Protein backbone atom coordinates (compact mmCIF):
# COMPACT_ATOMS: atom_id res chain seq x y z
CA UNK A 1 -72.02 -69.02 -13.21
CA UNK A 2 -72.67 -69.62 -9.29
CA UNK A 3 -76.08 -70.78 -9.98
CA UNK A 4 -74.79 -73.01 -12.55
CA UNK A 5 -72.30 -74.87 -10.69
CA UNK A 6 -74.53 -75.43 -7.63
CA UNK A 7 -77.49 -76.57 -9.59
CA UNK A 8 -75.66 -78.85 -12.33
CA UNK A 9 -72.05 -78.68 -12.86
CA UNK A 10 -71.03 -77.79 -16.41
CA UNK A 11 -69.11 -81.02 -17.25
CA UNK A 12 -72.15 -82.97 -15.98
CA UNK A 13 -74.48 -80.92 -18.24
CA UNK A 14 -72.31 -81.56 -21.40
CA UNK A 15 -72.13 -85.30 -20.51
CA UNK A 16 -75.95 -85.46 -20.57
CA UNK A 17 -75.87 -83.50 -23.83
CA UNK A 18 -73.61 -86.58 -25.02
CA UNK A 19 -75.26 -89.39 -23.19
CA UNK A 20 -78.43 -88.94 -24.94
CA UNK A 21 -76.92 -90.97 -27.99
CA UNK A 22 -76.91 -95.76 -27.94
CA UNK A 23 -79.46 -98.99 -29.22
CA UNK A 24 -77.68 -102.32 -30.22
CA UNK A 25 -77.74 -103.14 -34.01
CA UNK A 26 -75.16 -105.25 -36.11
CA UNK A 27 -72.12 -103.72 -37.58
CA UNK A 28 -71.77 -103.83 -41.29
CA UNK A 29 -68.76 -104.53 -42.89
CA UNK A 30 -66.28 -101.68 -42.61
CA UNK A 31 -67.94 -100.78 -39.34
CA UNK A 32 -66.61 -101.42 -35.71
CA UNK A 33 -69.18 -100.99 -32.76
CA UNK A 34 -67.43 -99.59 -29.66
CA UNK A 35 -68.69 -99.36 -26.02
CA UNK A 36 -67.55 -95.78 -25.11
CA UNK A 37 -67.09 -94.35 -21.53
CA UNK A 38 -66.51 -91.22 -20.20
CA UNK A 39 -62.58 -90.73 -20.06
CA UNK A 40 -61.73 -91.80 -16.27
CA UNK A 41 -64.87 -93.65 -16.00
CA UNK A 42 -64.45 -96.54 -17.86
CA UNK A 43 -65.99 -99.74 -17.08
CA UNK A 44 -68.96 -100.82 -14.63
CA UNK A 45 -70.84 -99.23 -12.96
CA UNK A 46 -70.78 -96.55 -15.75
CA UNK A 47 -72.99 -97.21 -18.57
CA UNK A 48 -71.58 -97.02 -22.00
CA UNK A 49 -72.84 -95.41 -24.96
CA UNK A 50 -72.58 -97.18 -28.15
CA UNK A 51 -70.50 -95.70 -31.16
CA UNK A 52 -70.25 -97.27 -34.55
CA UNK A 53 -67.44 -96.21 -36.59
CA UNK A 54 -67.28 -96.72 -40.36
CA UNK A 55 -63.74 -96.31 -41.43
CA UNK A 56 -64.85 -97.24 -45.28
CA UNK A 57 -67.23 -94.29 -45.30
CA UNK A 58 -65.67 -91.85 -42.70
CA UNK A 59 -69.22 -92.05 -41.04
CA UNK A 60 -69.77 -92.23 -37.15
CA UNK A 61 -73.26 -93.33 -35.50
CA UNK A 62 -73.53 -92.41 -31.91
CA UNK A 63 -76.53 -94.04 -29.94
CA UNK A 64 -76.86 -92.05 -26.64
CA UNK A 65 -79.01 -95.18 -25.11
CA UNK A 66 -82.62 -96.07 -24.11
CA UNK A 67 -82.26 -94.10 -20.58
CA UNK A 68 -82.06 -90.76 -22.34
CA UNK A 69 -84.71 -91.57 -24.84
CA UNK A 70 -87.87 -90.04 -23.00
CA UNK A 71 -86.13 -87.06 -22.46
CA UNK A 72 -84.80 -86.68 -26.15
CA UNK A 73 -88.12 -87.67 -27.28
CA UNK A 74 -89.59 -84.56 -25.33
CA UNK A 75 -86.97 -82.29 -26.70
CA UNK A 76 -88.06 -83.52 -30.31
CA UNK A 77 -84.61 -84.82 -30.69
CA UNK A 78 -83.21 -88.39 -31.98
CA UNK A 79 -81.66 -91.00 -29.46
CA UNK A 80 -79.20 -91.95 -32.40
CA UNK A 81 -77.23 -89.49 -34.26
CA UNK A 82 -75.10 -90.06 -37.36
CA UNK A 83 -72.83 -87.76 -38.92
CA UNK A 84 -70.13 -87.90 -41.95
CA UNK A 85 -66.61 -87.49 -40.66
CA UNK A 86 -64.11 -86.24 -43.06
CA UNK A 87 -60.35 -86.32 -42.41
CA UNK A 88 -58.68 -83.85 -40.76
CA UNK A 89 -54.93 -84.15 -40.00
CA UNK A 90 -54.69 -87.52 -38.12
CA UNK A 91 -58.10 -87.90 -36.94
CA UNK A 92 -61.63 -87.19 -38.31
CA UNK A 93 -63.99 -84.20 -37.64
CA UNK A 94 -67.76 -84.01 -37.38
CA UNK A 95 -68.69 -79.76 -37.99
CA UNK A 96 -72.10 -80.52 -38.92
CA UNK A 97 -75.06 -77.98 -38.40
CA UNK A 98 -77.41 -80.62 -36.99
CA UNK A 99 -74.99 -81.50 -34.45
CA UNK A 100 -74.90 -77.59 -33.30
CA UNK A 101 -78.73 -77.86 -33.45
CA UNK A 102 -78.65 -80.75 -30.98
CA UNK A 103 -76.32 -79.25 -28.73
CA UNK A 104 -78.56 -75.68 -28.75
CA UNK A 105 -81.63 -77.65 -28.00
CA UNK A 106 -80.42 -79.66 -24.98
CA UNK A 107 -78.43 -76.74 -23.66
CA UNK A 108 -81.46 -74.36 -23.97
CA UNK A 109 -83.34 -77.30 -22.05
CA UNK A 110 -80.67 -77.07 -19.19
CA UNK A 111 -80.64 -73.08 -19.00
CA UNK A 112 -84.47 -73.24 -18.80
CA UNK A 113 -84.03 -75.40 -15.77
CA UNK A 114 -81.54 -73.22 -14.18
CA UNK A 115 -83.70 -70.01 -14.81
CA UNK A 116 -86.65 -71.88 -13.23
CA UNK A 117 -84.70 -72.75 -10.31
CA UNK A 118 -82.76 -69.56 -10.03
CA UNK A 119 -83.07 -67.26 -6.87
CA UNK A 120 -83.27 -64.22 -8.62
CA UNK A 121 -86.66 -62.44 -8.91
CA UNK A 122 -88.10 -62.91 -12.51
CA UNK A 123 -85.78 -65.24 -13.61
CA UNK A 124 -88.12 -68.03 -14.43
CA UNK A 125 -89.87 -65.21 -17.02
CA UNK A 126 -86.23 -64.76 -18.96
CA UNK A 127 -86.12 -66.67 -22.29
CA UNK A 128 -83.41 -69.28 -22.20
CA UNK A 129 -81.13 -67.79 -24.62
CA UNK A 130 -78.10 -70.16 -25.47
CA UNK A 131 -75.37 -69.32 -28.17
CA UNK A 132 -73.18 -72.40 -29.48
CA UNK A 133 -70.01 -71.01 -30.40
CA UNK A 134 -68.28 -74.54 -30.99
CA UNK A 135 -69.99 -77.89 -31.21
CA UNK A 136 -67.32 -80.16 -33.07
CA UNK A 137 -66.89 -84.14 -32.59
CA UNK A 138 -63.33 -85.30 -33.11
CA UNK A 139 -62.97 -88.97 -33.50
CA UNK A 140 -59.45 -90.76 -33.38
CA UNK A 141 -59.42 -94.43 -34.47
CA UNK A 142 -56.63 -96.56 -33.19
CA UNK A 143 -55.70 -100.55 -33.17
CA UNK A 144 -58.39 -101.94 -30.91
CA UNK A 145 -59.35 -98.60 -29.66
CA UNK A 146 -61.74 -95.40 -30.12
CA UNK A 147 -61.38 -91.75 -29.07
CA UNK A 148 -64.35 -89.45 -29.37
CA UNK A 149 -63.78 -85.78 -28.10
CA UNK A 150 -66.76 -83.60 -27.94
CA UNK A 151 -65.47 -80.14 -28.29
CA UNK A 152 -68.11 -77.67 -27.08
CA UNK A 153 -68.42 -73.90 -26.25
CA UNK A 154 -71.56 -72.84 -25.28
CA UNK A 155 -72.84 -69.62 -23.33
CA UNK A 156 -75.79 -68.47 -21.97
CA UNK A 157 -77.52 -65.37 -20.40
CA UNK A 158 -77.53 -65.67 -16.54
CA UNK A 159 -79.96 -63.02 -14.68
CA UNK A 160 -78.73 -60.57 -12.37
CA UNK A 161 -80.39 -58.82 -9.40
CA UNK A 162 -80.14 -55.66 -11.09
CA UNK A 163 -79.14 -54.76 -14.47
CA UNK A 164 -79.41 -56.86 -17.70
CA UNK A 165 -78.41 -60.39 -17.95
CA UNK A 166 -74.72 -61.71 -17.87
CA UNK A 167 -73.30 -63.62 -20.53
CA UNK A 168 -71.81 -66.96 -18.63
CA UNK A 169 -70.17 -70.31 -19.99
CA UNK A 170 -72.71 -73.18 -19.90
CA UNK A 171 -69.35 -75.20 -21.12
CA UNK A 172 -66.18 -74.44 -22.59
CA UNK A 173 -63.91 -77.47 -23.41
CA UNK A 174 -63.51 -81.22 -24.55
CA UNK A 175 -65.36 -83.96 -23.17
CA UNK A 176 -63.34 -87.13 -24.11
CA UNK A 177 -64.81 -90.70 -24.64
CA UNK A 178 -62.68 -93.77 -24.81
CA UNK A 179 -63.73 -97.17 -25.83
CA UNK A 180 -62.66 -100.59 -27.14
CA UNK A 181 -64.65 -102.71 -29.56
CA UNK A 182 -67.96 -104.29 -28.39
CA UNK A 183 -67.67 -107.97 -27.70
CA UNK A 184 -69.06 -110.23 -30.26
CA UNK A 185 -71.20 -113.07 -28.75
CA UNK A 186 -68.91 -115.67 -29.96
CA UNK A 187 -65.95 -114.00 -28.15
CA UNK A 188 -65.07 -115.63 -24.80
CA UNK A 189 -65.23 -113.50 -21.73
CA UNK A 190 -62.19 -113.15 -19.28
CA UNK A 191 -62.47 -115.34 -16.05
CA UNK A 192 -64.28 -113.59 -13.37
CA UNK A 193 -66.01 -111.25 -15.61
CA UNK A 194 -69.79 -111.55 -16.54
C-alpha cells in the first residue's frame, strides 16, 4: 500500500476511473443533462463530466470526456457508458457486469503501472491481478440537482521483497459526484460569469 500511496493516491485512481466517461449531446424528453463535479471541487478550474439522467426510463449515460478518450481507447474501453438504473429505496442503482468489467480493466492498468514503478525486484514481471469486490453506481436525483456515487472496492496483489504477494486495497469506499442541470444556450448567465 505504501507504494500505491506514493505513486498514485487511491482516491485519485478511482477519480481517473470515473473521469474517463463525457461528449455533449442534446437531451431527449425525460432526459436531463447534468455537469458533474467531484464533491468538494465543484466549479472551475475542475472540468466536469457530463451525465444524462433519463427519469422516464431509469437510465444513466456518463460521458467521461475527450480528455480521457485516448487512454480509454488504448484500453479498449468506451468513453461513454450507458446503464439501466432500477429504483432501489430512495435512489437508483447500477449493478451491471459491464461496469464491473470497466472498473477491472482500468484498475488493472493502474496496478500494472504500480508494478512497473515498484522498487521490489521482479515486481515488473508479476501479473497485475485485480479483484473487483464491489462496483456499483448509486444515483439520487432531486429538484435541480443530481448526486452520483461510485461505490467501489478493488484489491490487488502487491509484491513483497520476500514471500508471496500481499493483498492490498486499491480503493474501498464511495466517490461522490454532484451537479446541476447543464445550462441551455437560451439561459442567461449570471453577471460576472462567462
